[in-house]
């Protein structure tokens, strides 16, 4: 025996590990949230050595760091969401450094910003039909779509630093 008690043992999740989580917000965007507003994301299973590392009900907590609205004529909007803690059942909080690496139907850049989409194909097709030109001219100053994390959106995050999870907590749930 190495002299480490069961209560003080910790499991280390190495930096670079990809975590999957599901956004619990119904519609999280720059239109509905302000910088500093919190966001919760339910952690998906992460197995190691035959058991789940995180107990059922674990969540990632973070906030909206920055956002850019889409432009009136050009420019797409983006969201910068930062997750900085893991919330385990029983209100135990672990520090976290993670970066968003993928989001469904949206592009994520190297800095972790989630970029919205415009309507380039639809707009190009509509501009080729002369009957629609008056409508296109009237809607030209309108903003493009806001980037939004809809309910049940699945995000992928990369751990930037190692995370220590209490071993006893990690053993409570089977994989």
N, C-alpha and C. Protein backbone atom coordinates (compact mmCIF):
# COMPACT_ATOMS: atom_id res chain seq x y z
N UNK A 1 0.85 -1.18 0.00
CA UNK A 1 0.00 0.00 0.00
C UNK A 1 0.89 1.23 0.00
N UNK A 2 0.52 2.23 -0.80
CA UNK A 2 1.34 3.42 -0.95
C UNK A 2 1.13 4.45 0.15
N UNK A 3 0.22 4.22 1.06
CA UNK A 3 0.01 5.17 2.15
C UNK A 3 -0.95 6.29 1.79
N UNK A 4 -1.64 6.17 0.68
CA UNK A 4 -2.61 7.18 0.29
C UNK A 4 -3.98 6.66 0.68
N UNK A 5 -4.71 7.41 1.47
CA UNK A 5 -6.04 6.96 1.87
C UNK A 5 -7.03 7.13 0.74
N UNK A 6 -8.13 6.38 0.79
CA UNK A 6 -9.16 6.44 -0.25
C UNK A 6 -9.74 7.84 -0.35
N UNK A 7 -9.92 8.55 0.78
CA UNK A 7 -10.56 9.86 0.77
C UNK A 7 -9.68 10.92 0.13
N UNK A 8 -8.36 10.77 0.22
CA UNK A 8 -7.49 11.81 -0.33
C UNK A 8 -6.98 11.49 -1.73
N UNK A 9 -7.29 10.31 -2.26
CA UNK A 9 -6.84 9.94 -3.60
C UNK A 9 -7.56 10.80 -4.65
N UNK A 10 -6.82 11.12 -5.69
CA UNK A 10 -7.38 11.96 -6.76
C UNK A 10 -7.07 11.31 -8.10
N UNK A 11 -7.97 11.51 -9.04
CA UNK A 11 -7.77 11.04 -10.40
C UNK A 11 -7.44 12.26 -11.25
N UNK A 12 -6.41 12.17 -12.05
CA UNK A 12 -5.98 13.31 -12.86
C UNK A 12 -6.44 13.11 -14.30
N UNK A 13 -7.13 14.11 -14.82
CA UNK A 13 -7.53 14.12 -16.23
C UNK A 13 -6.52 15.02 -16.94
N UNK A 14 -5.75 14.48 -17.88
CA UNK A 14 -4.66 15.25 -18.48
C UNK A 14 -5.15 16.37 -19.41
N UNK A 15 -4.31 17.39 -19.54
CA UNK A 15 -4.58 18.48 -20.48
C UNK A 15 -4.67 17.89 -21.88
N UNK A 16 -5.53 18.45 -22.70
CA UNK A 16 -5.72 17.96 -24.06
C UNK A 16 -6.89 17.01 -24.20
N UNK A 17 -7.45 16.57 -23.08
CA UNK A 17 -8.61 15.68 -23.11
C UNK A 17 -9.82 16.45 -23.65
N UNK A 18 -10.60 15.81 -24.48
CA UNK A 18 -11.81 16.43 -25.04
C UNK A 18 -13.00 16.06 -24.16
N UNK A 19 -13.71 17.07 -23.69
CA UNK A 19 -14.93 16.88 -22.91
C UNK A 19 -16.13 17.21 -23.78
N UNK A 20 -17.20 16.44 -23.65
CA UNK A 20 -18.45 16.71 -24.36
C UNK A 20 -19.46 17.21 -23.34
N UNK A 21 -20.20 18.25 -23.69
CA UNK A 21 -21.25 18.73 -22.79
C UNK A 21 -22.44 19.23 -23.59
N UNK A 22 -23.60 19.27 -22.94
CA UNK A 22 -24.84 19.71 -23.58
C UNK A 22 -25.31 20.98 -22.89
N UNK A 23 -25.51 22.02 -23.68
CA UNK A 23 -25.93 23.32 -23.14
C UNK A 23 -27.35 23.21 -22.60
N UNK A 24 -27.56 23.74 -21.39
CA UNK A 24 -28.88 23.64 -20.77
C UNK A 24 -29.75 24.87 -21.05
N UNK A 25 -29.17 25.91 -21.60
CA UNK A 25 -29.94 27.12 -21.95
C UNK A 25 -30.81 26.84 -23.17
N UNK A 26 -31.98 27.47 -23.18
CA UNK A 26 -32.89 27.29 -24.33
C UNK A 26 -32.37 28.03 -25.56
N UNK A 27 -31.90 29.26 -25.38
CA UNK A 27 -31.38 30.06 -26.48
C UNK A 27 -30.36 31.03 -25.91
N UNK A 28 -29.09 30.72 -26.04
CA UNK A 28 -28.02 31.55 -25.49
C UNK A 28 -27.32 32.24 -26.64
N UNK A 29 -27.50 33.56 -26.75
CA UNK A 29 -26.88 34.33 -27.83
C UNK A 29 -26.56 35.72 -27.33
N UNK A 30 -25.89 36.51 -28.15
CA UNK A 30 -25.57 37.89 -27.80
C UNK A 30 -26.84 38.73 -27.72
N UNK A 31 -27.90 38.26 -28.33
CA UNK A 31 -29.18 38.96 -28.29
C UNK A 31 -29.90 38.74 -26.96
N UNK A 32 -29.73 37.55 -26.36
CA UNK A 32 -30.45 37.20 -25.13
C UNK A 32 -29.59 37.26 -23.87
N UNK A 33 -28.28 37.37 -24.02
CA UNK A 33 -27.37 37.38 -22.87
C UNK A 33 -26.41 38.55 -22.97
N UNK A 34 -25.92 38.98 -21.82
CA UNK A 34 -24.94 40.06 -21.77
C UNK A 34 -23.60 39.49 -21.30
N UNK A 35 -22.53 40.22 -21.55
CA UNK A 35 -21.21 39.79 -21.11
C UNK A 35 -21.25 39.58 -19.60
N UNK A 36 -20.76 38.44 -19.16
CA UNK A 36 -20.76 38.09 -17.75
C UNK A 36 -21.90 37.18 -17.33
N UNK A 37 -22.90 37.00 -18.19
CA UNK A 37 -24.02 36.11 -17.86
C UNK A 37 -23.54 34.66 -17.79
N UNK A 38 -24.04 33.91 -16.81
CA UNK A 38 -23.59 32.52 -16.64
C UNK A 38 -24.22 31.57 -17.66
N UNK A 39 -23.53 30.46 -17.86
CA UNK A 39 -24.03 29.38 -18.72
C UNK A 39 -23.65 28.06 -18.07
N UNK A 40 -24.57 27.09 -18.12
CA UNK A 40 -24.32 25.75 -17.60
C UNK A 40 -24.37 24.76 -18.75
N UNK A 41 -23.54 23.74 -18.65
CA UNK A 41 -23.45 22.73 -19.68
C UNK A 41 -23.31 21.37 -18.98
N UNK A 42 -24.24 20.43 -19.24
CA UNK A 42 -24.22 19.11 -18.60
C UNK A 42 -23.09 18.27 -19.21
N UNK A 43 -22.21 17.77 -18.34
CA UNK A 43 -21.07 16.97 -18.80
C UNK A 43 -21.50 15.60 -19.29
N UNK A 44 -20.94 15.19 -20.40
CA UNK A 44 -21.17 13.85 -20.90
C UNK A 44 -20.23 12.87 -20.22
N UNK A 45 -20.40 11.59 -20.44
CA UNK A 45 -19.55 10.60 -19.78
C UNK A 45 -18.11 10.66 -20.30
N UNK A 46 -17.19 10.44 -19.38
CA UNK A 46 -15.77 10.35 -19.71
C UNK A 46 -15.25 9.16 -18.93
N UNK A 47 -14.95 8.08 -19.63
CA UNK A 47 -14.53 6.85 -18.95
C UNK A 47 -13.03 6.73 -18.88
N UNK A 48 -12.55 6.16 -17.77
CA UNK A 48 -11.14 5.85 -17.60
C UNK A 48 -11.02 4.65 -16.67
N UNK A 49 -10.25 3.67 -17.09
CA UNK A 49 -9.98 2.49 -16.28
C UNK A 49 -11.26 1.79 -15.83
N UNK A 50 -12.24 1.70 -16.71
CA UNK A 50 -13.44 0.93 -16.43
C UNK A 50 -14.50 1.62 -15.61
N UNK A 51 -14.35 2.88 -15.32
CA UNK A 51 -15.40 3.59 -14.57
C UNK A 51 -15.50 5.02 -15.09
N UNK A 52 -16.62 5.66 -14.78
CA UNK A 52 -16.84 7.04 -15.20
C UNK A 52 -16.05 7.98 -14.30
N UNK A 53 -15.39 8.95 -14.90
CA UNK A 53 -14.58 9.90 -14.15
C UNK A 53 -15.47 10.88 -13.39
N UNK A 54 -16.52 11.35 -14.04
CA UNK A 54 -17.42 12.32 -13.41
C UNK A 54 -18.71 11.62 -12.97
N UNK A 55 -19.24 11.97 -11.82
CA UNK A 55 -20.51 11.39 -11.40
C UNK A 55 -21.67 11.93 -12.23
N UNK A 56 -22.77 11.21 -12.24
CA UNK A 56 -23.97 11.64 -12.96
C UNK A 56 -24.43 12.99 -12.38
N UNK A 57 -24.77 13.91 -13.24
CA UNK A 57 -25.23 15.23 -12.80
C UNK A 57 -24.14 16.28 -12.76
N UNK A 58 -22.91 15.94 -13.13
CA UNK A 58 -21.83 16.91 -13.15
C UNK A 58 -22.06 17.92 -14.29
N UNK A 59 -21.72 19.17 -14.04
CA UNK A 59 -21.92 20.23 -15.03
C UNK A 59 -20.67 21.09 -15.15
N UNK A 60 -20.55 21.75 -16.30
CA UNK A 60 -19.53 22.77 -16.48
C UNK A 60 -20.19 24.12 -16.30
N UNK A 61 -19.54 25.01 -15.60
CA UNK A 61 -20.05 26.36 -15.40
C UNK A 61 -19.13 27.36 -16.05
N UNK A 62 -19.70 28.39 -16.61
CA UNK A 62 -18.90 29.43 -17.24
C UNK A 62 -19.71 30.68 -17.45
N UNK A 63 -19.20 31.56 -18.30
CA UNK A 63 -19.92 32.79 -18.58
C UNK A 63 -19.56 33.29 -19.98
N UNK A 64 -20.38 34.22 -20.44
CA UNK A 64 -20.14 34.86 -21.73
C UNK A 64 -19.05 35.90 -21.51
N UNK A 65 -17.90 35.70 -22.13
CA UNK A 65 -16.77 36.62 -21.98
C UNK A 65 -16.90 37.85 -22.87
N UNK A 66 -17.31 37.62 -24.12
CA UNK A 66 -17.40 38.70 -25.09
C UNK A 66 -18.31 38.24 -26.22
N UNK A 67 -18.85 39.19 -26.95
CA UNK A 67 -19.71 38.86 -28.09
C UNK A 67 -19.69 40.00 -29.09
N UNK A 68 -19.94 39.66 -30.33
CA UNK A 68 -20.06 40.67 -31.39
C UNK A 68 -21.34 40.37 -32.15
N UNK A 69 -22.17 41.39 -32.27
CA UNK A 69 -23.40 41.25 -33.04
C UNK A 69 -23.09 41.23 -34.53
N UNK A 70 -23.92 40.57 -35.32
CA UNK A 70 -23.71 40.61 -36.77
C UNK A 70 -23.92 42.03 -37.28
N UNK A 71 -23.21 42.37 -38.35
CA UNK A 71 -23.31 43.72 -38.91
C UNK A 71 -24.60 43.93 -39.68
N UNK A 72 -24.88 45.20 -39.95
CA UNK A 72 -26.08 45.51 -40.74
C UNK A 72 -25.87 45.17 -42.21
N UNK A 73 -24.71 45.49 -42.74
CA UNK A 73 -24.46 45.23 -44.16
C UNK A 73 -23.52 44.05 -44.35
N UNK A 74 -22.44 44.01 -43.58
CA UNK A 74 -21.47 42.91 -43.67
C UNK A 74 -21.02 42.53 -42.28
N UNK A 75 -20.43 41.38 -42.16
CA UNK A 75 -19.86 40.94 -40.89
C UNK A 75 -20.78 39.98 -40.16
N UNK A 76 -20.18 38.92 -39.67
CA UNK A 76 -20.93 37.92 -38.92
C UNK A 76 -20.62 38.09 -37.44
N UNK A 77 -21.55 37.70 -36.60
CA UNK A 77 -21.35 37.81 -35.16
C UNK A 77 -20.61 36.61 -34.60
N UNK A 78 -20.15 36.73 -33.36
CA UNK A 78 -19.50 35.63 -32.68
C UNK A 78 -19.73 35.70 -31.17
N UNK A 79 -19.55 34.57 -30.50
CA UNK A 79 -19.67 34.44 -29.05
C UNK A 79 -18.35 33.91 -28.50
N UNK A 80 -17.92 34.45 -27.38
CA UNK A 80 -16.74 33.93 -26.69
C UNK A 80 -17.21 33.45 -25.32
N UNK A 81 -17.40 32.14 -25.19
CA UNK A 81 -17.88 31.53 -23.95
C UNK A 81 -16.71 30.84 -23.27
N UNK A 82 -16.51 31.13 -21.99
CA UNK A 82 -15.41 30.53 -21.24
C UNK A 82 -15.96 29.68 -20.10
N UNK A 83 -15.54 28.43 -20.04
CA UNK A 83 -15.92 27.54 -18.96
C UNK A 83 -14.75 27.47 -17.98
N UNK A 84 -15.03 27.77 -16.70
CA UNK A 84 -13.94 27.87 -15.73
C UNK A 84 -14.12 26.99 -14.49
N UNK A 85 -15.17 26.17 -14.46
CA UNK A 85 -15.36 25.30 -13.29
C UNK A 85 -16.20 24.08 -13.64
N UNK A 86 -15.94 23.00 -12.88
CA UNK A 86 -16.75 21.79 -12.94
C UNK A 86 -17.54 21.77 -11.65
N UNK A 87 -18.85 21.61 -11.77
CA UNK A 87 -19.73 21.56 -10.60
C UNK A 87 -20.19 20.12 -10.42
N UNK A 88 -19.70 19.49 -9.36
CA UNK A 88 -20.05 18.11 -9.07
C UNK A 88 -21.28 18.08 -8.18
N UNK A 89 -22.05 16.99 -8.19
CA UNK A 89 -23.19 16.88 -7.27
C UNK A 89 -22.71 17.07 -5.83
N UNK A 90 -23.53 17.72 -5.03
CA UNK A 90 -23.11 18.04 -3.66
C UNK A 90 -22.44 19.39 -3.60
N UNK A 91 -22.53 20.16 -4.68
CA UNK A 91 -22.00 21.53 -4.77
C UNK A 91 -20.49 21.61 -4.63
N UNK A 92 -19.78 20.54 -4.96
CA UNK A 92 -18.32 20.60 -4.96
C UNK A 92 -17.88 21.21 -6.29
N UNK A 93 -17.01 22.22 -6.21
CA UNK A 93 -16.57 22.94 -7.41
C UNK A 93 -15.08 22.72 -7.62
N UNK A 94 -14.72 22.34 -8.86
CA UNK A 94 -13.33 22.14 -9.23
C UNK A 94 -12.94 23.19 -10.27
N UNK A 95 -11.77 23.82 -10.15
CA UNK A 95 -11.34 24.79 -11.16
C UNK A 95 -11.05 24.09 -12.49
N UNK A 96 -11.23 24.82 -13.57
CA UNK A 96 -11.10 24.24 -14.91
C UNK A 96 -10.56 25.30 -15.85
N UNK A 97 -9.73 24.90 -16.77
CA UNK A 97 -9.29 25.75 -17.87
C UNK A 97 -9.57 24.97 -19.15
N UNK A 98 -10.60 25.39 -19.89
CA UNK A 98 -10.99 24.67 -21.10
C UNK A 98 -11.36 25.66 -22.19
N UNK A 99 -11.22 25.20 -23.43
CA UNK A 99 -11.53 26.04 -24.59
C UNK A 99 -12.49 25.30 -25.49
N UNK A 100 -13.50 25.99 -25.98
CA UNK A 100 -14.47 25.39 -26.91
C UNK A 100 -13.75 25.08 -28.22
N UNK A 101 -13.90 23.85 -28.72
CA UNK A 101 -13.26 23.47 -29.98
C UNK A 101 -14.26 23.15 -31.08
N UNK A 102 -15.51 22.83 -30.71
CA UNK A 102 -16.51 22.61 -31.76
C UNK A 102 -17.91 22.86 -31.21
N UNK A 103 -18.76 23.30 -32.12
CA UNK A 103 -20.15 23.59 -31.82
C UNK A 103 -20.97 23.19 -33.04
N UNK A 104 -22.15 22.61 -32.85
CA UNK A 104 -22.91 22.15 -34.01
C UNK A 104 -23.36 23.29 -34.92
N UNK A 105 -23.15 23.12 -36.21
CA UNK A 105 -23.60 24.03 -37.25
C UNK A 105 -22.94 25.41 -37.19
N UNK A 106 -21.87 25.55 -36.42
CA UNK A 106 -21.15 26.82 -36.35
C UNK A 106 -19.66 26.56 -36.37
N UNK A 107 -18.92 27.54 -36.85
CA UNK A 107 -17.47 27.43 -36.92
C UNK A 107 -16.87 27.96 -35.62
N UNK A 108 -15.85 27.27 -35.09
CA UNK A 108 -15.13 27.71 -33.91
C UNK A 108 -13.70 27.98 -34.34
N UNK A 109 -13.19 29.20 -34.05
CA UNK A 109 -11.83 29.54 -34.46
C UNK A 109 -10.80 29.04 -33.44
N UNK A 110 -9.53 29.32 -33.70
CA UNK A 110 -8.44 28.83 -32.85
C UNK A 110 -8.49 29.43 -31.44
N UNK A 111 -9.11 30.59 -31.28
CA UNK A 111 -9.23 31.22 -29.97
C UNK A 111 -10.41 30.71 -29.17
N UNK A 112 -11.26 29.89 -29.78
CA UNK A 112 -12.43 29.35 -29.10
C UNK A 112 -13.68 30.18 -29.29
N UNK A 113 -13.67 31.17 -30.18
CA UNK A 113 -14.86 31.98 -30.45
C UNK A 113 -15.78 31.21 -31.39
N UNK A 114 -17.07 31.24 -31.07
CA UNK A 114 -18.08 30.55 -31.86
C UNK A 114 -18.67 31.56 -32.85
N UNK A 115 -18.42 31.34 -34.14
CA UNK A 115 -18.86 32.28 -35.18
C UNK A 115 -20.21 31.87 -35.75
N UNK A 116 -21.06 32.86 -35.96
CA UNK A 116 -22.37 32.62 -36.55
C UNK A 116 -22.27 32.46 -38.05
N UNK A 117 -23.39 32.12 -38.65
CA UNK A 117 -23.44 31.93 -40.10
C UNK A 117 -24.31 33.03 -40.70
N UNK A 118 -24.01 33.37 -41.90
CA UNK A 118 -24.86 34.26 -42.65
C UNK A 118 -25.74 33.41 -43.58
N UNK A 119 -26.23 34.04 -44.61
CA UNK A 119 -27.04 33.32 -45.60
C UNK A 119 -26.43 33.55 -46.98
N UNK A 120 -25.17 33.18 -47.22
CA UNK A 120 -24.54 33.52 -48.49
C UNK A 120 -25.18 32.86 -49.70
N UNK A 121 -25.56 31.59 -49.60
CA UNK A 121 -26.15 30.90 -50.75
C UNK A 121 -27.54 31.47 -51.03
N UNK A 122 -28.35 31.60 -49.99
CA UNK A 122 -29.69 32.14 -50.17
C UNK A 122 -29.63 33.54 -50.76
N UNK A 123 -28.75 34.39 -50.24
CA UNK A 123 -28.64 35.76 -50.74
C UNK A 123 -28.19 35.79 -52.20
N UNK A 124 -27.22 34.94 -52.55
CA UNK A 124 -26.74 34.91 -53.93
C UNK A 124 -27.85 34.49 -54.88
N UNK A 125 -28.63 33.48 -54.49
CA UNK A 125 -29.73 33.02 -55.34
C UNK A 125 -30.79 34.11 -55.47
N UNK A 126 -31.12 34.76 -54.36
CA UNK A 126 -32.16 35.80 -54.41
C UNK A 126 -31.72 37.01 -55.24
N UNK A 127 -30.44 37.34 -55.25
CA UNK A 127 -29.97 38.46 -56.07
C UNK A 127 -29.98 38.12 -57.55
N UNK A 128 -30.03 36.85 -57.92
CA UNK A 128 -30.07 36.48 -59.34
C UNK A 128 -31.49 36.53 -59.91
N UNK A 129 -32.48 36.71 -59.05
CA UNK A 129 -33.88 36.76 -59.51
C UNK A 129 -34.35 38.22 -59.44
N UNK A 130 -34.48 38.90 -60.60
CA UNK A 130 -34.82 40.33 -60.61
C UNK A 130 -36.12 40.69 -59.89
N UNK A 131 -37.09 39.79 -59.84
CA UNK A 131 -38.35 40.09 -59.18
C UNK A 131 -38.14 40.33 -57.68
N UNK A 132 -37.13 39.70 -57.10
CA UNK A 132 -36.86 39.82 -55.67
C UNK A 132 -35.98 41.02 -55.30
N UNK A 133 -35.47 41.77 -56.28
CA UNK A 133 -34.57 42.88 -56.00
C UNK A 133 -35.18 43.93 -55.09
N UNK A 134 -36.44 44.32 -55.26
CA UNK A 134 -36.99 45.33 -54.33
C UNK A 134 -37.00 44.84 -52.87
N UNK A 135 -37.31 43.59 -52.68
CA UNK A 135 -37.31 43.03 -51.32
C UNK A 135 -35.89 42.99 -50.77
N UNK A 136 -34.94 42.59 -51.62
CA UNK A 136 -33.54 42.51 -51.18
C UNK A 136 -33.01 43.90 -50.82
N UNK A 137 -33.39 44.91 -51.56
CA UNK A 137 -32.93 46.27 -51.26
C UNK A 137 -33.51 46.75 -49.93
N UNK A 138 -34.78 46.41 -49.67
CA UNK A 138 -35.40 46.81 -48.40
C UNK A 138 -34.79 46.07 -47.21
N UNK A 139 -34.41 44.82 -47.39
CA UNK A 139 -33.86 44.04 -46.28
C UNK A 139 -32.34 44.12 -46.17
N UNK A 140 -31.69 44.85 -47.08
CA UNK A 140 -30.24 44.96 -47.07
C UNK A 140 -29.68 45.51 -45.75
N UNK A 141 -30.30 46.54 -45.14
CA UNK A 141 -29.73 47.03 -43.88
C UNK A 141 -30.03 46.15 -42.65
N UNK A 142 -30.80 45.11 -42.80
CA UNK A 142 -31.14 44.24 -41.66
C UNK A 142 -29.90 43.45 -41.21
N UNK A 143 -29.85 43.17 -39.93
CA UNK A 143 -28.74 42.37 -39.40
C UNK A 143 -28.85 40.92 -39.87
N UNK A 144 -27.72 40.26 -39.92
CA UNK A 144 -27.70 38.83 -40.22
C UNK A 144 -28.14 38.06 -38.98
N UNK A 145 -28.12 36.75 -39.06
CA UNK A 145 -28.54 35.94 -37.90
C UNK A 145 -27.52 36.03 -36.76
N UNK A 146 -28.01 36.08 -35.53
CA UNK A 146 -27.16 36.10 -34.35
C UNK A 146 -26.64 34.69 -34.09
N UNK A 147 -25.36 34.54 -33.75
CA UNK A 147 -24.89 33.21 -33.37
C UNK A 147 -25.55 32.83 -32.05
N UNK A 148 -26.08 31.63 -31.96
CA UNK A 148 -26.81 31.21 -30.76
C UNK A 148 -26.55 29.75 -30.45
N UNK A 149 -26.46 29.45 -29.16
CA UNK A 149 -26.40 28.07 -28.70
C UNK A 149 -27.82 27.69 -28.30
N UNK A 150 -28.45 26.90 -29.11
CA UNK A 150 -29.82 26.47 -28.85
C UNK A 150 -29.82 25.40 -27.75
N UNK A 151 -30.98 25.16 -27.17
CA UNK A 151 -31.11 24.12 -26.17
C UNK A 151 -30.67 22.78 -26.71
N UNK A 152 -29.99 22.01 -25.91
CA UNK A 152 -29.49 20.69 -26.28
C UNK A 152 -28.35 20.75 -27.30
N UNK A 153 -27.70 21.91 -27.46
CA UNK A 153 -26.51 21.98 -28.32
C UNK A 153 -25.37 21.26 -27.63
N UNK A 154 -24.64 20.45 -28.39
CA UNK A 154 -23.51 19.70 -27.83
C UNK A 154 -22.21 20.41 -28.18
N UNK A 155 -21.48 20.81 -27.15
CA UNK A 155 -20.19 21.46 -27.33
C UNK A 155 -19.08 20.47 -27.02
N UNK A 156 -17.96 20.65 -27.70
CA UNK A 156 -16.74 19.91 -27.38
C UNK A 156 -15.73 20.91 -26.86
N UNK A 157 -15.10 20.57 -25.74
CA UNK A 157 -14.11 21.44 -25.12
C UNK A 157 -12.81 20.68 -24.93
N UNK A 158 -11.69 21.38 -25.05
CA UNK A 158 -10.37 20.79 -24.82
C UNK A 158 -9.83 21.34 -23.51
N UNK A 159 -9.41 20.43 -22.62
CA UNK A 159 -8.80 20.86 -21.37
C UNK A 159 -7.45 21.49 -21.65
N UNK A 160 -7.21 22.66 -21.08
CA UNK A 160 -5.94 23.36 -21.28
C UNK A 160 -4.95 23.04 -20.16
N UNK A 161 -5.45 22.59 -19.02
CA UNK A 161 -4.61 22.20 -17.89
C UNK A 161 -5.16 20.91 -17.29
N UNK A 162 -4.30 20.19 -16.59
CA UNK A 162 -4.75 18.97 -15.90
C UNK A 162 -5.82 19.32 -14.88
N UNK A 163 -6.77 18.39 -14.68
CA UNK A 163 -7.82 18.57 -13.68
C UNK A 163 -7.77 17.38 -12.72
N UNK A 164 -7.81 17.67 -11.43
CA UNK A 164 -7.83 16.62 -10.42
C UNK A 164 -9.26 16.43 -9.93
N UNK A 165 -9.76 15.20 -10.06
CA UNK A 165 -11.11 14.86 -9.61
C UNK A 165 -10.97 13.94 -8.41
N UNK A 166 -11.68 14.21 -7.32
CA UNK A 166 -11.62 13.32 -6.16
C UNK A 166 -11.99 11.89 -6.56
N UNK A 167 -11.16 10.93 -6.20
CA UNK A 167 -11.33 9.53 -6.60
C UNK A 167 -12.61 8.95 -6.04
N UNK A 168 -12.92 9.24 -4.80
CA UNK A 168 -14.12 8.69 -4.17
C UNK A 168 -15.37 9.15 -4.91
N UNK A 169 -15.43 10.43 -5.29
CA UNK A 169 -16.56 10.96 -6.04
C UNK A 169 -16.65 10.31 -7.41
N UNK A 170 -15.49 10.09 -8.03
CA UNK A 170 -15.47 9.53 -9.37
C UNK A 170 -15.97 8.08 -9.38
N UNK A 171 -15.83 7.35 -8.27
CA UNK A 171 -16.21 5.94 -8.21
C UNK A 171 -17.70 5.73 -7.96
N UNK A 172 -18.46 6.80 -7.62
CA UNK A 172 -19.84 6.63 -7.23
C UNK A 172 -20.74 6.17 -8.37
N UNK A 173 -20.37 6.43 -9.61
CA UNK A 173 -21.26 6.12 -10.71
C UNK A 173 -20.59 5.13 -11.67
N UNK A 174 -21.28 4.07 -12.04
CA UNK A 174 -20.72 3.14 -13.01
C UNK A 174 -20.72 3.77 -14.40
N UNK A 175 -19.90 3.28 -15.27
CA UNK A 175 -19.80 3.83 -16.62
C UNK A 175 -20.88 3.41 -17.50
